[in-house]
Amino acid sequence: MGGCREKQATDIPAHIGPCEFGHLGNWITVRCPRELEPLMRQAGGQWEPGSCRWLIERRRIVPLIRRLERVTDPLFRQAGIDLDGEGRR
């Protein structure tokens, strides 16, 4: 079960819409516009003012990614167009 959780946390995309993801130790870092701040807070994110990014616990990143995919460009996503790569076919 822990292996599945590890796999999900390491398979995060580089970008979802305007959000950029990275790694910092045991944290996932997220840079995003201010409009998405409520989603970061709901995920328990901690703001890191020096580097202007959010720190999200690995265990909370998968639900956050799902919410971001729903919120960012929902019409494109509904049509199966992935703005960050290849679309579903």
PDB file of N, CA and C in Angstrom:
ATOM      1  N   MET A   1       0.817  -1.192   0.000  1.00  0.00           N
ATOM      2  CA  MET A   1       0.000   0.000   0.000  1.00  0.00           C
ATOM      3  C   MET A   1       0.862   1.258   0.000  1.00  0.00           C
ATOM      4  N   GLY A   2       1.928   1.275   0.800  1.00  0.00           N
ATOM      5  CA  GLY A   2       2.823   2.424   0.827  1.00  0.00           C
ATOM      6  C   GLY A   2       3.488   2.650  -0.522  1.00  0.00           C
ATOM      7  N   GLY A   3       3.774   1.547  -1.260  1.00  0.00           N
ATOM      8  CA  GLY A   3       4.389   1.672  -2.574  1.00  0.00           C
ATOM      9  C   GLY A   3       3.504   2.409  -3.552  1.00  0.00           C
ATOM     10  N   CYS A   4       2.204   2.173  -3.470  1.00  0.00           N
ATOM     11  CA  CYS A   4       1.249   2.860  -4.342  1.00  0.00           C
ATOM     12  C   CYS A   4       1.260   4.355  -4.057  1.00  0.00           C
ATOM     13  N   ARG A   5       1.281   4.692  -2.794  1.00  0.00           N
ATOM     14  CA  ARG A   5       1.298   6.107  -2.405  1.00  0.00           C
ATOM     15  C   ARG A   5       2.577   6.767  -2.892  1.00  0.00           C
ATOM     16  N   GLU A   6       3.725   6.075  -2.753  1.00  0.00           N
ATOM     17  CA  GLU A   6       4.996   6.598  -3.232  1.00  0.00           C
ATOM     18  C   GLU A   6       4.954   6.834  -4.733  1.00  0.00           C
ATOM     19  N   LYS A   7       4.407   5.880  -5.471  1.00  0.00           N
ATOM     20  CA  LYS A   7       4.325   5.994  -6.924  1.00  0.00           C
ATOM     21  C   LYS A   7       3.497   7.200  -7.324  1.00  0.00           C
ATOM     22  N   GLN A   8       2.355   7.404  -6.672  1.00  0.00           N
ATOM     23  CA  GLN A   8       1.497   8.526  -7.013  1.00  0.00           C
ATOM     24  C   GLN A   8       2.202   9.849  -6.761  1.00  0.00           C
ATOM     25  N   ALA A   9       2.942   9.942  -5.672  1.00  0.00           N
ATOM     26  CA  ALA A   9       3.609  11.194  -5.340  1.00  0.00           C
ATOM     27  C   ALA A   9       4.752  11.496  -6.309  1.00  0.00           C
ATOM     28  N   THR A  10       5.403  10.471  -6.853  1.00  0.00           N
ATOM     29  CA  THR A  10       6.520  10.724  -7.748  1.00  0.00           C
ATOM     30  C   THR A  10       6.071  10.934  -9.190  1.00  0.00           C
ATOM     31  N   ASP A  11       4.845  10.585  -9.512  1.00  0.00           N
ATOM     32  CA  ASP A  11       4.340  10.740 -10.870  1.00  0.00           C
ATOM     33  C   ASP A  11       3.629  12.074 -11.089  1.00  0.00           C
ATOM     34  N   ILE A  12       4.002  13.093 -10.358  1.00  0.00           N
ATOM     35  CA  ILE A  12       3.330  14.377 -10.538  1.00  0.00           C
ATOM     36  C   ILE A  12       3.812  15.035 -11.829  1.00  0.00           C
ATOM     37  N   PRO A  13       2.920  15.761 -12.490  1.00  0.00           N
ATOM     38  CA  PRO A  13       3.316  16.440 -13.731  1.00  0.00           C
ATOM     39  C   PRO A  13       4.184  17.662 -13.437  1.00  0.00           C
ATOM     40  N   ALA A  14       4.886  18.140 -14.424  1.00  0.00           N
ATOM     41  CA  ALA A  14       5.684  19.360 -14.263  1.00  0.00           C
ATOM     42  C   ALA A  14       4.777  20.585 -14.172  1.00  0.00           C
ATOM     43  N   HIS A  15       3.642  20.548 -14.903  1.00  0.00           N
ATOM     44  CA  HIS A  15       2.695  21.664 -14.942  1.00  0.00           C
ATOM     45  C   HIS A  15       1.271  21.132 -15.022  1.00  0.00           C
ATOM     46  N   ILE A  16       0.358  21.876 -14.444  1.00  0.00           N
ATOM     47  CA  ILE A  16      -1.077  21.715 -14.699  1.00  0.00           C
ATOM     48  C   ILE A  16      -1.588  23.134 -14.888  1.00  0.00           C
ATOM     49  N   GLY A  17      -2.003  23.442 -16.102  1.00  0.00           N
ATOM     50  CA  GLY A  17      -2.424  24.806 -16.392  1.00  0.00           C
ATOM     51  C   GLY A  17      -1.313  25.776 -16.001  1.00  0.00           C
ATOM     52  N   PRO A  18      -1.627  26.780 -15.168  1.00  0.00           N
ATOM     53  CA  PRO A  18      -0.618  27.765 -14.781  1.00  0.00           C
ATOM     54  C   PRO A  18       0.243  27.330 -13.598  1.00  0.00           C
ATOM     55  N   CYS A  19       0.029  26.144 -13.048  1.00  0.00           N
ATOM     56  CA  CYS A  19       0.761  25.685 -11.862  1.00  0.00           C
ATOM     57  C   CYS A  19       2.007  24.893 -12.252  1.00  0.00           C
ATOM     58  N   GLU A  20       3.092  25.159 -11.545  1.00  0.00           N
ATOM     59  CA  GLU A  20       4.367  24.487 -11.783  1.00  0.00           C
ATOM     60  C   GLU A  20       4.745  23.700 -10.534  1.00  0.00           C
ATOM     61  N   PHE A  21       5.107  22.426 -10.707  1.00  0.00           N
ATOM     62  CA  PHE A  21       5.432  21.546  -9.585  1.00  0.00           C
ATOM     63  C   PHE A  21       6.923  21.257  -9.526  1.00  0.00           C
ATOM     64  N   GLY A  22       7.394  20.981  -8.313  1.00  0.00           N
ATOM     65  CA  GLY A  22       8.785  20.606  -8.097  1.00  0.00           C
ATOM     66  C   GLY A  22       8.899  19.807  -6.811  1.00  0.00           C
ATOM     67  N   HIS A  23      10.124  19.514  -6.402  1.00  0.00           N
ATOM     68  CA  HIS A  23      10.391  18.735  -5.190  1.00  0.00           C
ATOM     69  C   HIS A  23      11.343  19.519  -4.295  1.00  0.00           C
ATOM     70  N   LEU A  24      11.135  19.423  -3.002  1.00  0.00           N
ATOM     71  CA  LEU A  24      12.045  20.001  -2.018  1.00  0.00           C
ATOM     72  C   LEU A  24      12.039  19.071  -0.812  1.00  0.00           C
ATOM     73  N   GLY A  25      12.998  18.181  -0.741  1.00  0.00           N
ATOM     74  CA  GLY A  25      13.033  17.198   0.342  1.00  0.00           C
ATOM     75  C   GLY A  25      11.786  16.332   0.315  1.00  0.00           C
ATOM     76  N   ASN A  26      11.051  16.308   1.417  1.00  0.00           N
ATOM     77  CA  ASN A  26       9.820  15.513   1.494  1.00  0.00           C
ATOM     78  C   ASN A  26       8.585  16.295   1.041  1.00  0.00           C
ATOM     79  N   TRP A  27       8.773  17.478   0.534  1.00  0.00           N
ATOM     80  CA  TRP A  27       7.661  18.330   0.111  1.00  0.00           C
ATOM     81  C   TRP A  27       7.551  18.348  -1.409  1.00  0.00           C
ATOM     82  N   ILE A  28       6.343  18.645  -1.876  1.00  0.00           N
ATOM     83  CA  ILE A  28       6.109  18.973  -3.283  1.00  0.00           C
ATOM     84  C   ILE A  28       5.930  20.486  -3.312  1.00  0.00           C
ATOM     85  N   THR A  29       6.639  21.156  -4.186  1.00  0.00           N
ATOM     86  CA  THR A  29       6.519  22.610  -4.293  1.00  0.00           C
ATOM     87  C   THR A  29       5.567  22.955  -5.430  1.00  0.00           C
ATOM     88  N   VAL A  30       4.806  24.024  -5.227  1.00  0.00           N
ATOM     89  CA  VAL A  30       3.843  24.455  -6.243  1.00  0.00           C
ATOM     90  C   VAL A  30       3.933  25.970  -6.383  1.00  0.00           C
ATOM     91  N   ARG A  31       4.141  26.418  -7.601  1.00  0.00           N
ATOM     92  CA  ARG A  31       4.044  27.850  -7.920  1.00  0.00           C
ATOM     93  C   ARG A  31       2.788  28.017  -8.745  1.00  0.00           C
ATOM     94  N   CYS A  32       1.939  28.953  -8.331  1.00  0.00           N
ATOM     95  CA  CYS A  32       0.666  29.129  -9.031  1.00  0.00           C
ATOM     96  C   CYS A  32       0.152  30.548  -8.822  1.00  0.00           C
ATOM     97  N   PRO A  33      -0.829  30.973  -9.628  1.00  0.00           N
ATOM     98  CA  PRO A  33      -1.421  32.298  -9.460  1.00  0.00           C
ATOM     99  C   PRO A  33      -2.181  32.399  -8.138  1.00  0.00           C
ATOM    100  N   ARG A  34      -2.362  33.607  -7.691  1.00  0.00           N
ATOM    101  CA  ARG A  34      -3.069  33.859  -6.424  1.00  0.00           C
ATOM    102  C   ARG A  34      -4.500  33.347  -6.432  1.00  0.00           C
ATOM    103  N   GLU A  35      -5.134  33.284  -7.591  1.00  0.00           N
ATOM    104  CA  GLU A  35      -6.524  32.810  -7.665  1.00  0.00           C
ATOM    105  C   GLU A  35      -6.659  31.377  -7.153  1.00  0.00           C
ATOM    106  N   LEU A  36      -5.572  30.617  -7.192  1.00  0.00           N
ATOM    107  CA  LEU A  36      -5.616  29.215  -6.763  1.00  0.00           C
ATOM    108  C   LEU A  36      -5.173  29.026  -5.310  1.00  0.00           C
ATOM    109  N   GLU A  37      -4.926  30.118  -4.612  1.00  0.00           N
ATOM    110  CA  GLU A  37      -4.511  30.063  -3.208  1.00  0.00           C
ATOM    111  C   GLU A  37      -5.473  29.268  -2.326  1.00  0.00           C
ATOM    112  N   PRO A  38      -6.798  29.409  -2.484  1.00  0.00           N
ATOM    113  CA  PRO A  38      -7.703  28.608  -1.635  1.00  0.00           C
ATOM    114  C   PRO A  38      -7.488  27.101  -1.782  1.00  0.00           C
ATOM    115  N   LEU A  39      -7.186  26.631  -2.984  1.00  0.00           N
ATOM    116  CA  LEU A  39      -6.932  25.203  -3.178  1.00  0.00           C
ATOM    117  C   LEU A  39      -5.654  24.769  -2.452  1.00  0.00           C
ATOM    118  N   MET A  40      -4.638  25.629  -2.472  1.00  0.00           N
ATOM    119  CA  MET A  40      -3.389  25.316  -1.779  1.00  0.00           C
ATOM    120  C   MET A  40      -3.620  25.228  -0.271  1.00  0.00           C
ATOM    121  N   ARG A  41      -4.421  26.156   0.244  1.00  0.00           N
ATOM    122  CA  ARG A  41      -4.725  26.148   1.683  1.00  0.00           C
ATOM    123  C   ARG A  41      -5.555  24.923   2.065  1.00  0.00           C
ATOM    124  N   GLN A  42      -6.527  24.547   1.214  1.00  0.00           N
ATOM    125  CA  GLN A  42      -7.340  23.355   1.482  1.00  0.00           C
ATOM    126  C   GLN A  42      -6.476  22.099   1.533  1.00  0.00           C
ATOM    127  N   ALA A  43      -5.401  22.096   0.769  1.00  0.00           N
ATOM    128  CA  ALA A  43      -4.497  20.947   0.749  1.00  0.00           C
ATOM    129  C   ALA A  43      -3.486  21.002   1.891  1.00  0.00           C
ATOM    130  N   GLY A  44      -3.635  21.994   2.771  1.00  0.00           N
ATOM    131  CA  GLY A  44      -2.721  22.117   3.902  1.00  0.00           C
ATOM    132  C   GLY A  44      -1.383  22.724   3.529  1.00  0.00           C
ATOM    133  N   GLY A  45      -1.347  23.436   2.419  1.00  0.00           N
ATOM    134  CA  GLY A  45      -0.100  24.018   1.944  1.00  0.00           C
ATOM    135  C   GLY A  45       0.435  25.099   2.861  1.00  0.00           C
ATOM    136  N   GLN A  46       1.749  25.207   2.884  1.00  0.00           N
ATOM    137  CA  GLN A  46       2.430  26.243   3.647  1.00  0.00           C
ATOM    138  C   GLN A  46       3.116  27.175   2.661  1.00  0.00           C
ATOM    139  N   TRP A  47       2.876  28.464   2.790  1.00  0.00           N
ATOM    140  CA  TRP A  47       3.461  29.451   1.893  1.00  0.00           C
ATOM    141  C   TRP A  47       4.910  29.684   2.286  1.00  0.00           C
ATOM    142  N   GLU A  48       5.785  29.648   1.318  1.00  0.00           N
ATOM    143  CA  GLU A  48       7.201  29.929   1.521  1.00  0.00           C
ATOM    144  C   GLU A  48       7.494  31.268   0.840  1.00  0.00           C
ATOM    145  N   PRO A  49       7.489  32.371   1.599  1.00  0.00           N
ATOM    146  CA  PRO A  49       7.591  33.701   0.996  1.00  0.00           C
ATOM    147  C   PRO A  49       8.916  33.974   0.294  1.00  0.00           C
ATOM    148  N   GLY A  50      10.009  33.400   0.760  1.00  0.00           N
ATOM    149  CA  GLY A  50      11.314  33.660   0.146  1.00  0.00           C
ATOM    150  C   GLY A  50      11.389  33.232  -1.307  1.00  0.00           C
ATOM    151  N   SER A  51      10.775  32.104  -1.623  1.00  0.00           N
ATOM    152  CA  SER A  51      10.821  31.600  -2.998  1.00  0.00           C
ATOM    153  C   SER A  51       9.463  31.703  -3.697  1.00  0.00           C
ATOM    154  N   CYS A  52       8.494  32.301  -3.026  1.00  0.00           N
ATOM    155  CA  CYS A  52       7.156  32.517  -3.600  1.00  0.00           C
ATOM    156  C   CYS A  52       6.543  31.223  -4.126  1.00  0.00           C
ATOM    157  N   ARG A  53       6.478  30.221  -3.266  1.00  0.00           N
ATOM    158  CA  ARG A  53       5.881  28.944  -3.661  1.00  0.00           C
ATOM    159  C   ARG A  53       5.216  28.302  -2.455  1.00  0.00           C
ATOM    160  N   TRP A  54       4.351  27.347  -2.757  1.00  0.00           N
ATOM    161  CA  TRP A  54       3.650  26.589  -1.726  1.00  0.00           C
ATOM    162  C   TRP A  54       4.381  25.282  -1.482  1.00  0.00           C
ATOM    163  N   LEU A  55       4.388  24.841  -0.238  1.00  0.00           N
ATOM    164  CA  LEU A  55       4.928  23.540   0.131  1.00  0.00           C
ATOM    165  C   LEU A  55       3.759  22.650   0.516  1.00  0.00           C
ATOM    166  N   ILE A  56       3.619  21.531  -0.176  1.00  0.00           N
ATOM    167  CA  ILE A  56       2.504  20.612   0.026  1.00  0.00           C
ATOM    168  C   ILE A  56       3.072  19.255   0.446  1.00  0.00           C
ATOM    169  N   GLU A  57       2.467  18.640   1.455  1.00  0.00           N
ATOM    170  CA  GLU A  57       2.888  17.301   1.868  1.00  0.00           C
ATOM    171  C   GLU A  57       2.606  16.321   0.733  1.00  0.00           C
ATOM    172  N   ARG A  58       3.506  15.355   0.564  1.00  0.00           N
ATOM    173  CA  ARG A  58       3.350  14.363  -0.509  1.00  0.00           C
ATOM    174  C   ARG A  58       2.003  13.641  -0.429  1.00  0.00           C
ATOM    175  N   ARG A  59       1.553  13.331   0.777  1.00  0.00           N
ATOM    176  CA  ARG A  59       0.303  12.580   0.920  1.00  0.00           C
ATOM    177  C   ARG A  59      -0.915  13.378   0.482  1.00  0.00           C
ATOM    178  N   ARG A  60      -0.772  14.693   0.332  1.00  0.00           N
ATOM    179  CA  ARG A  60      -1.901  15.534  -0.056  1.00  0.00           C
ATOM    180  C   ARG A  60      -1.852  16.002  -1.509  1.00  0.00           C
ATOM    181  N   ILE A  61      -0.819  15.614  -2.236  1.00  0.00           N
ATOM    182  CA  ILE A  61      -0.646  16.155  -3.585  1.00  0.00           C
ATOM    183  C   ILE A  61      -1.604  15.551  -4.601  1.00  0.00           C
ATOM    184  N   VAL A  62      -1.917  14.269  -4.488  1.00  0.00           N
ATOM    185  CA  VAL A  62      -2.784  13.635  -5.493  1.00  0.00           C
ATOM    186  C   VAL A  62      -4.186  14.262  -5.491  1.00  0.00           C
ATOM    187  N   PRO A  63      -4.835  14.457  -4.327  1.00  0.00           N
ATOM    188  CA  PRO A  63      -6.139  15.149  -4.357  1.00  0.00           C
ATOM    189  C   PRO A  63      -6.038  16.584  -4.885  1.00  0.00           C
ATOM    190  N   LEU A  64      -4.932  17.272  -4.571  1.00  0.00           N
ATOM    191  CA  LEU A  64      -4.746  18.629  -5.082  1.00  0.00           C
ATOM    192  C   LEU A  64      -4.625  18.621  -6.603  1.00  0.00           C
ATOM    193  N   ILE A  65      -3.888  17.677  -7.143  1.00  0.00           N
ATOM    194  CA  ILE A  65      -3.739  17.582  -8.598  1.00  0.00           C
ATOM    195  C   ILE A  65      -5.105  17.369  -9.256  1.00  0.00           C
ATOM    196  N   ARG A  66      -5.907  16.500  -8.683  1.00  0.00           N
ATOM    197  CA  ARG A  66      -7.255  16.271  -9.241  1.00  0.00           C
ATOM    198  C   ARG A  66      -8.082  17.552  -9.245  1.00  0.00           C
ATOM    199  N   ARG A  67      -8.025  18.306  -8.137  1.00  0.00           N
ATOM    200  CA  ARG A  67      -8.787  19.567  -8.068  1.00  0.00           C
ATOM    201  C   ARG A  67      -8.268  20.569  -9.086  1.00  0.00           C
ATOM    202  N   LEU A  68      -6.955  20.666  -9.216  1.00  0.00           N
ATOM    203  CA  LEU A  68      -6.383  21.602 -10.185  1.00  0.00           C
ATOM    204  C   LEU A  68      -6.779  21.247 -11.608  1.00  0.00           C
ATOM    205  N   GLU A  69      -6.809  19.962 -11.919  1.00  0.00           N
ATOM    206  CA  GLU A  69      -7.228  19.537 -13.256  1.00  0.00           C
ATOM    207  C   GLU A  69      -8.682  19.904 -13.511  1.00  0.00           C
ATOM    208  N   ARG A  70      -9.522  19.814 -12.494  1.00  0.00           N
ATOM    209  CA  ARG A  70     -10.937  20.181 -12.658  1.00  0.00           C
ATOM    210  C   ARG A  70     -11.112  21.683 -12.810  1.00  0.00           C
ATOM    211  N   VAL A  71     -10.304  22.448 -12.081  1.00  0.00           N
ATOM    212  CA  VAL A  71     -10.480  23.901 -12.038  1.00  0.00           C
ATOM    213  C   VAL A  71      -9.839  24.610 -13.229  1.00  0.00           C
ATOM    214  N   THR A  72      -8.669  24.155 -13.643  1.00  0.00           N
ATOM    215  CA  THR A  72      -7.961  24.856 -14.721  1.00  0.00           C
ATOM    216  C   THR A  72      -8.475  24.393 -16.074  1.00  0.00           C
ATOM    217  N   ASP A  73      -9.008  25.305 -16.820  1.00  0.00           N
ATOM    218  CA  ASP A  73      -9.495  25.066 -18.176  1.00  0.00           C
ATOM    219  C   ASP A  73     -10.430  23.855 -18.283  1.00  0.00           C
ATOM    220  N   PRO A  74     -11.550  23.868 -17.539  1.00  0.00           N
ATOM    221  CA  PRO A  74     -12.437  22.701 -17.532  1.00  0.00           C
ATOM    222  C   PRO A  74     -13.021  22.355 -18.896  1.00  0.00           C
ATOM    223  N   LEU A  75     -13.269  23.320 -19.763  1.00  0.00           N
ATOM    224  CA  LEU A  75     -13.825  22.999 -21.076  1.00  0.00           C
ATOM    225  C   LEU A  75     -12.824  22.240 -21.926  1.00  0.00           C
ATOM    226  N   PHE A  76     -11.558  22.626 -21.871  1.00  0.00           N
ATOM    227  CA  PHE A  76     -10.528  21.901 -22.616  1.00  0.00           C
ATOM    228  C   PHE A  76     -10.384  20.490 -22.072  1.00  0.00           C
ATOM    229  N   ARG A  77     -10.370  20.365 -20.750  1.00  0.00           N
ATOM    230  CA  ARG A  77     -10.215  19.045 -20.126  1.00  0.00           C
ATOM    231  C   ARG A  77     -11.416  18.156 -20.468  1.00  0.00           C
ATOM    232  N   GLN A  78     -12.621  18.741 -20.455  1.00  0.00           N
ATOM    233  CA  GLN A  78     -13.829  17.973 -20.763  1.00  0.00           C
ATOM    234  C   GLN A  78     -13.783  17.455 -22.200  1.00  0.00           C
ATOM    235  N   ALA A  79     -13.206  18.246 -23.092  1.00  0.00           N
ATOM    236  CA  ALA A  79     -13.095  17.837 -24.491  1.00  0.00           C
ATOM    237  C   ALA A  79     -11.951  16.843 -24.713  1.00  0.00           C
ATOM    238  N   GLY A  80     -11.184  16.557 -23.660  1.00  0.00           N
ATOM    239  CA  GLY A  80     -10.097  15.605 -23.785  1.00  0.00           C
ATOM    240  C   GLY A  80      -8.802  16.207 -24.285  1.00  0.00           C
ATOM    241  N   ILE A  81      -8.692  17.532 -24.234  1.00  0.00           N
ATOM    242  CA  ILE A  81      -7.483  18.198 -24.680  1.00  0.00           C
ATOM    243  C   ILE A  81      -6.629  18.484 -23.456  1.00  0.00           C
ATOM    244  N   ASP A  82      -5.428  17.917 -23.439  1.00  0.00           N
ATOM    245  CA  ASP A  82      -4.493  18.129 -22.338  1.00  0.00           C
ATOM    246  C   ASP A  82      -3.602  19.293 -22.730  1.00  0.00           C
ATOM    247  N   LEU A  83      -3.724  20.408 -22.026  1.00  0.00           N
ATOM    248  CA  LEU A  83      -2.961  21.603 -22.376  1.00  0.00           C
ATOM    249  C   LEU A  83      -1.478  21.476 -22.025  1.00  0.00           C
ATOM    250  N   ASP A  84      -1.122  20.447 -21.272  1.00  0.00           N
ATOM    251  CA  ASP A  84       0.254  20.261 -20.862  1.00  0.00           C
ATOM    252  C   ASP A  84       0.980  19.194 -21.659  1.00  0.00           C
ATOM    253  N   GLY A  85       0.302  18.578 -22.599  1.00  0.00           N
ATOM    254  CA  GLY A  85       0.922  17.497 -23.365  1.00  0.00           C
ATOM    255  C   GLY A  85      -0.028  17.000 -24.414  1.00  0.00           C
ATOM    256  N   GLU A  86      -0.016  15.706 -24.615  1.00  0.00           N
ATOM    257  CA  GLU A  86      -0.874  15.116 -25.633  1.00  0.00           C
ATOM    258  C   GLU A  86      -2.283  14.928 -25.098  1.00  0.00           C
ATOM    259  N   GLY A  87      -3.273  15.081 -25.945  1.00  0.00           N
ATOM    260  CA  GLY A  87      -4.672  14.871 -25.558  1.00  0.00           C
ATOM    261  C   GLY A  87      -5.038  13.401 -25.515  1.00  0.00           C
ATOM    262  N   ARG A  88      -6.136  13.084 -24.853  1.00  0.00           N
ATOM    263  CA  ARG A  88      -6.636  11.687 -24.824  1.00  0.00           C
ATOM    264  C   ARG A  88      -7.250  11.368 -26.168  1.00  0.00           C
ATOM    265  N   ARG A  89      -7.048  10.163 -26.617  1.00  0.00           N
ATOM    266  CA  ARG A  89      -7.628   9.774 -27.901  1.00  0.00           C
ATOM    267  C   ARG A  89      -8.358   8.480 -27.784  1.00  0.00           C
TER     268      ARG A  89
END
